[in-house]
Amino acid sequence: MGCGGGGKSPIPPTPSNDGSGQPSATLTANPTRVRGGDVVTLSLSANPTPISVSWEQVPPQPRGTFTGDRLQAIWTAPSVSSTTEFSLIANIVFPATTLSRSVTVTVEPPGNGGGGNPPPSPPAVSISYPTPDGRTNVVAEGVKLTLLGNVRAGSYPVSKLQVLDADGFLVQEWTVSDGGFRVDLERFGTLGAKAIRIRVLDSQGNYGEIPLEVINNPGLLDQLAKDFLRRYCAAGEPPRLVRFGDLSDGPYARPVQVWLHRGVEPYISLVQEACTFWTRYSGIEFRILRADERPTGDVYIVIEDKFDVDATYAAETIRGSSSSPFKIDFGSITLYRGWWSASDDERKILILAHELGHIVMTRDDNNIGSGHTDDGSVMDGISPRLVLHPYHQTAMRILYSHQPGDSL
């Protein structure tokens, strides 16, 4: 990163319906255009789990064949003499009611010379973050799990990205296009360690998917958060919390004031983006002040420019304490030529967010390079990225619900 150190609730059960008070179900088919003899995968998401599911096709002739279980079945398409649309119907029996869901699949006749052509190529999805390491993939209600990845179109344009729970129930959905994506997963379905499904769909309903291991466990997430606090946000023995401001003048009590020197004002939008990053993951709000404004009180952050100075790092952060060694009253961020000459705005935002983190999150001991993590987050000293892991988010909420110097 090239920065200087320094510095004087339980999870409710998964809903049993779609919010209307009735059982819910969705049915998808992949692919949706085939030739005789091709297979179609039918995936049913139902909540609660149905007692039974029966399958039928309309028109009934020529007849295809169904195989599989309640929530996933295979339909082998029949041979046809002309292009034919079939409705594939799931009759779903719940304890108190029965629902029917259908999808349309088009079956085409063989081409000239006989023999079927291959079905349309489905889209593909890959994930670069998070990794199933038992830390960054631990989640619970109230946090965001950022998904970073890439989608690639097949025969048709990409349309949607979905996350399905282990039981096939749709958890969350976004509109995406071909290329890289960044989305925040905020609903995690059933508790426990499980493989959720990351699915990309195209405009015709064809899809590709990959599993992602997650652990929905509030107790484990709380433990990881407290371990992080002991290592990076506490001092002394037993550990006592070090934080910016207190319960009356710090984050959540009032917006964090960020005062810009005049040379930084042309980059106010980048400062705003860096602050928005912290708001997004922690809920902490910021108030950005221009040079001719003045912060109120003694708890604030100042950002100054030294763009004419070639330092060994792009930025430096100093933190000051006046009333207590556990309360940070003041933070000063200095931006050097390395920041000003960074190749793109995204890099500048990452550096700003990292430096803000030295004030609002990770404690340091006045040494260059201290306060850095080794976890691939925004505070990583070697390979930072613009994410906060779920246990960081939980740690922030714990930290700022206590007074400076409280025991953990």
Foldseek 3Di string as FASTA:
>chain_A
DFAFEAALDAADAFDQPDPPPDKDKAKFWAPQEWAAQDKIKIFMAIGPAFPAKDKAKPPPPPHWDWDDGGGIIMTGHHADPAKDKMWIKIWTHHPVDIDIYTDIHIYGHDDPPDDIDDDWDAKEKDWPDDAPPLALQEAEAPFWNKTKIFIAGTRAWWFKKFKAAQSRHTQDMDGDGGTIDIDIRRGHHGAAWHWIKIWIAGPRRHIDIDTHIHHHDVVSLQVSLVVCCCVFAFDDVVTFGAFEAWLCPDWPNDAAEEEEEQVCVVVVVLLVLLQVLCCVGAVTHHDYHYNVDDDPDQAHEYEYEAAVDDDSGQKYKYFRDDPDPRYTRYMYMYGYVCLVVPPDSQVNSLVSNLRVCCHGPGDADRGTPGSADCDQDSRHPPHYDSDDRRSSNVSSVVSRVHGGGHRD
